[in-house]
Protein backbone atom coordinates (compact mmCIF):
# COMPACT_ATOMS: atom_id res chain seq x y z
CA MET A 1 0.00 0.00 0.00
CA MET A 2 1.30 3.45 -0.95
CA LEU A 3 -0.29 6.66 0.21
CA ASP A 4 -0.75 9.40 -2.35
CA PRO A 5 2.37 11.61 -2.06
CA GLY A 6 0.27 14.76 -2.05
CA THR A 7 -1.96 13.46 0.75
CA LEU A 8 1.04 12.35 2.77
CA ALA A 9 2.71 15.74 2.33
CA VAL A 10 -0.41 17.59 3.49
CA PHE A 11 -0.74 15.22 6.45
CA ALA A 12 2.92 15.72 7.40
CA LEU A 13 2.55 19.50 7.24
CA ALA A 14 -0.65 19.44 9.32
CA SER A 15 1.03 17.10 11.83
CA LEU A 16 4.02 19.43 12.08
CA LEU A 17 1.78 22.44 12.71
CA LEU A 18 -0.06 20.57 15.43
CA ALA A 19 3.14 19.17 16.96
CA VAL A 20 5.09 22.41 17.26
CA VAL A 21 2.25 24.21 19.04
CA PRO A 22 2.29 23.28 22.75
CA GLY A 23 -0.73 21.37 24.03
CA PRO A 24 -1.22 19.45 27.32
CA ALA A 25 1.45 16.81 26.57
CA VAL A 26 4.01 19.44 25.55
CA LEU A 27 3.26 21.44 28.69
CA TYR A 28 3.95 18.31 30.75
CA ILE A 29 7.28 17.85 28.94
CA VAL A 30 8.13 21.52 29.48
CA ALA A 31 7.34 21.17 33.19
CA GLN A 32 9.64 18.16 33.51
CA SER A 33 12.39 20.01 31.64
CA ILE A 34 12.03 23.11 33.78
CA HIS A 35 12.22 21.23 37.07
CA GLY A 36 14.33 18.20 36.14
CA GLY A 37 16.56 19.44 33.33
CA ARG A 38 16.91 18.49 29.69
CA ARG A 39 17.42 14.79 30.41
CA ALA A 40 14.09 14.58 32.26
CA GLY A 41 12.39 16.42 29.42
CA VAL A 42 13.78 14.05 26.78
CA VAL A 43 12.72 10.98 28.78
CA SER A 44 9.22 12.39 29.29
CA ALA A 45 8.99 13.06 25.53
CA PHE A 46 9.68 9.40 24.77
CA GLY A 47 7.08 8.42 27.34
CA VAL A 48 4.48 10.64 25.67
CA ALA A 49 5.40 9.16 22.27
CA SER A 50 4.92 5.64 23.63
CA GLY A 51 1.47 6.62 24.84
CA GLY A 52 0.75 8.03 21.40
CA LEU A 53 1.53 4.66 19.80
CA PHE A 54 -1.14 3.10 22.03
CA HIS A 55 -3.74 5.53 20.66
CA VAL A 56 -2.58 4.87 17.09
CA LEU A 57 -3.16 1.13 17.60
CA ALA A 58 -6.59 1.78 19.10
CA ALA A 59 -7.52 4.05 16.19
CA VAL A 60 -6.32 1.49 13.62
CA VAL A 61 -8.44 -1.27 15.15
CA GLY A 62 -11.52 0.85 15.83
CA LEU A 63 -11.68 2.84 12.60
CA SER A 64 -10.94 -0.20 10.46
CA ALA A 65 -13.87 -1.97 12.10
CA VAL A 66 -16.15 1.00 11.35
CA LEU A 67 -15.16 1.07 7.67
CA THR A 68 -15.60 -2.66 7.36
CA ALA A 69 -19.10 -2.36 8.80
CA SER A 70 -20.25 0.57 6.65
CA ALA A 71 -18.75 3.16 4.32
CA GLU A 72 -21.56 5.53 5.35
CA ALA A 73 -20.64 5.08 9.01
CA PHE A 74 -17.04 5.94 8.17
CA THR A 75 -18.22 9.15 6.51
CA VAL A 76 -20.17 10.02 9.64
CA VAL A 77 -17.01 9.44 11.70
CA LYS A 78 -15.11 11.85 9.45
CA ILE A 79 -17.80 14.54 9.76
CA LEU A 80 -17.96 14.14 13.54
CA GLY A 81 -14.19 14.27 13.63
CA ALA A 82 -14.13 17.56 11.74
CA ALA A 83 -16.73 18.99 14.13
CA TYR A 84 -14.68 17.81 17.11
CA LEU A 85 -11.56 19.55 15.81
CA VAL A 86 -13.48 22.83 15.45
CA TRP A 87 -14.95 22.44 18.95
CA LEU A 88 -11.52 21.65 20.39
CA GLY A 89 -10.11 24.78 18.76
CA ILE A 90 -12.86 27.02 20.11
CA ARG A 91 -12.50 25.51 23.58
CA THR A 92 -8.74 26.05 23.49
CA LEU A 93 -9.19 29.69 22.47
CA LEU A 94 -11.62 30.35 25.32
CA GLN A 95 -9.88 28.56 28.17
CA ALA A 96 -7.48 30.31 30.52
CA ASN A 97 -4.45 28.41 31.78
CA GLU A 98 -1.90 30.17 33.94
CA ARG A 99 0.26 27.14 34.76
CA ILE A 100 2.84 25.14 32.83
CA GLY A 101 2.60 21.38 33.11
CA GLY A 102 0.75 21.18 36.41
CA ARG A 103 3.28 19.13 38.39
CA ALA A 104 6.89 19.09 39.59
CA ALA A 105 9.58 16.79 38.24
CA GLU A 106 9.30 13.05 38.89
CA PRO A 107 11.80 11.56 41.39
CA SER A 108 13.53 9.32 38.81
CA LEU A 109 13.92 9.00 35.04
CA ALA A 110 11.96 5.73 35.09
CA SER A 111 9.09 7.49 36.83
CA THR A 112 9.34 10.35 34.36
CA TYR A 113 9.01 7.93 31.43
CA ARG A 114 6.10 6.02 32.99
CA ARG A 115 4.28 9.23 33.82
CA GLY A 116 4.69 10.42 30.25
CA VAL A 117 3.10 7.19 28.98
CA VAL A 118 0.25 7.46 31.48
CA VAL A 119 -0.34 11.16 30.72
CA ASN A 120 -0.96 10.32 27.06
CA VAL A 121 -2.66 6.91 27.39
CA LEU A 122 -5.20 8.06 29.98
CA ASN A 123 -6.05 11.30 28.18
CA PRO A 124 -9.40 10.77 26.42
CA LYS A 125 -8.79 13.91 24.37
CA THR A 126 -5.79 12.22 22.74
CA ALA A 127 -7.91 9.23 21.76
CA LEU A 128 -10.62 11.47 20.34
CA PHE A 129 -8.02 13.49 18.48
CA PHE A 130 -6.64 10.46 16.67
CA LEU A 131 -10.15 9.27 15.83
CA ALA A 132 -10.94 12.73 14.45
CA PHE A 133 -7.68 13.56 12.67
CA LEU A 134 -6.50 10.36 10.96
CA PRO A 135 -9.67 9.53 8.96
CA GLN A 136 -9.50 12.87 7.14
CA PHE A 137 -6.51 11.58 5.13
CA VAL A 138 -7.63 7.98 4.49
CA ASP A 139 -8.81 6.65 1.12
CA PRO A 140 -11.64 4.21 2.00
CA HIS A 141 -11.06 2.33 -1.25
CA GLU A 142 -7.55 1.26 -0.21
CA SER A 143 -6.26 -0.72 2.78
CA THR A 144 -7.64 1.36 5.62
CA ARG A 145 -5.74 -0.37 8.40
CA ALA A 146 -2.37 0.05 6.66
CA GLN A 147 -3.07 3.71 5.89
CA LEU A 148 -4.10 4.46 9.48
CA ALA A 149 -1.04 2.69 10.85
CA LEU A 150 1.31 4.59 8.54
CA LEU A 151 -0.31 7.96 9.19
CA GLY A 152 -0.30 7.35 12.93
CA ALA A 153 3.36 6.38 12.91
CA VAL A 154 4.27 9.48 10.87
CA PHE A 155 2.40 11.71 13.32
CA VAL A 156 4.08 10.12 16.37
CA VAL A 157 7.55 10.52 14.83
CA ILE A 158 6.93 14.17 13.93
CA ALA A 159 5.46 14.88 17.36
CA LEU A 160 8.41 13.18 19.08
CA ALA A 161 10.91 15.28 17.12
CA SER A 162 9.04 18.44 18.08
CA ASP A 163 8.73 17.34 21.72
CA LEU A 164 12.48 16.71 21.92
CA VAL A 165 13.14 20.25 20.74
CA TRP A 166 10.75 21.58 23.38
CA ALA A 167 12.49 19.49 26.04
CA LEU A 168 15.92 20.83 25.14
CA VAL A 169 14.77 24.45 24.85
CA ALA A 170 12.74 24.34 28.07
CA GLY A 171 15.56 22.67 29.95
CA THR A 172 17.83 25.56 28.95
CA ALA A 173 15.35 28.42 29.39
CA GLY A 174 13.30 26.90 32.20
CA ALA A 175 13.19 29.85 34.56
CA VAL A 176 11.98 32.22 31.85
CA LEU A 177 9.22 29.90 30.58
CA ARG A 178 8.03 29.12 34.11
CA ARG A 179 7.18 32.78 34.69
CA SER A 180 5.87 33.56 31.20
CA ARG A 181 2.13 34.08 30.92
CA THR A 182 2.71 35.47 27.43
CA PHE A 183 3.99 32.03 26.36
CA LEU A 184 0.80 30.38 27.61
CA ARG A 185 -1.43 32.98 25.98
CA ILE A 186 0.29 32.71 22.60
CA GLN A 187 0.26 28.91 22.55
CA ARG A 188 -3.47 28.93 23.36
CA TYR A 189 -4.37 31.26 20.50
CA VAL A 190 -2.18 29.51 17.93
CA SER A 191 -3.31 26.02 18.99
CA GLY A 192 -6.98 26.97 18.88
CA THR A 193 -6.69 28.62 15.48
CA ILE A 194 -4.94 25.57 13.98
CA PHE A 195 -7.57 23.18 15.35
CA VAL A 196 -10.43 25.28 13.98
CA GLY A 197 -8.71 25.59 10.60
CA LEU A 198 -8.10 21.85 10.30
CA GLY A 199 -11.67 21.09 11.27
CA ALA A 200 -13.05 23.52 8.71
CA LEU A 201 -10.76 22.13 6.02
CA ALA A 202 -11.80 18.57 6.82
CA ALA A 203 -15.49 19.50 6.74
CA THR A 204 -15.08 21.19 3.36
CA ALA A 205 -13.24 18.21 1.92
CA GLY A 206 -15.96 15.91 3.17
CA ARG A 207 -18.66 17.93 1.39
CA SER A 208 -16.68 17.99 -1.86
CA HIS A 209 -16.45 14.17 -1.83
């Protein structure tokens, strides 16, 4: 199975835009980097990526089952996913968050890694995001499971690369970021705008098909 190069390029660009803008997982990584240094931030980033792979597997199994059951049901999933992305963007724009990460550094690197996994695995928003985002780039006439697995893996790799950069930067400039409300305000506006834009784009594409 080969994804259309154009589709893969658009997906990679969208994934990069989403990855570089700090959300809850990135804020956790930043918190670990601020309090525990760059090494703690890097370990927490790999933990978050491991949790992301769990959600990719769940999305592959669940969405493949939906498509197998009904092409119409899969279309409904795509439309609901687009609506969820718009809602998530609006909610992000409206919420006020004055804290980075929400917790101090873990006592050991092993604990830091495990917490990163748990933070991502137990976050229902992450599961919903994968269910909403991945189907927008899938061709239902090809191998759905293989496409979802590839797209999910690409997203996790891009997100991990971005998270590692955040870990290194935050570990170096920790004191500044910890006190910066401007940083939190900017990341909220940019994140929300990107989510709304992706949702609108997905909804438009769904109508054109």
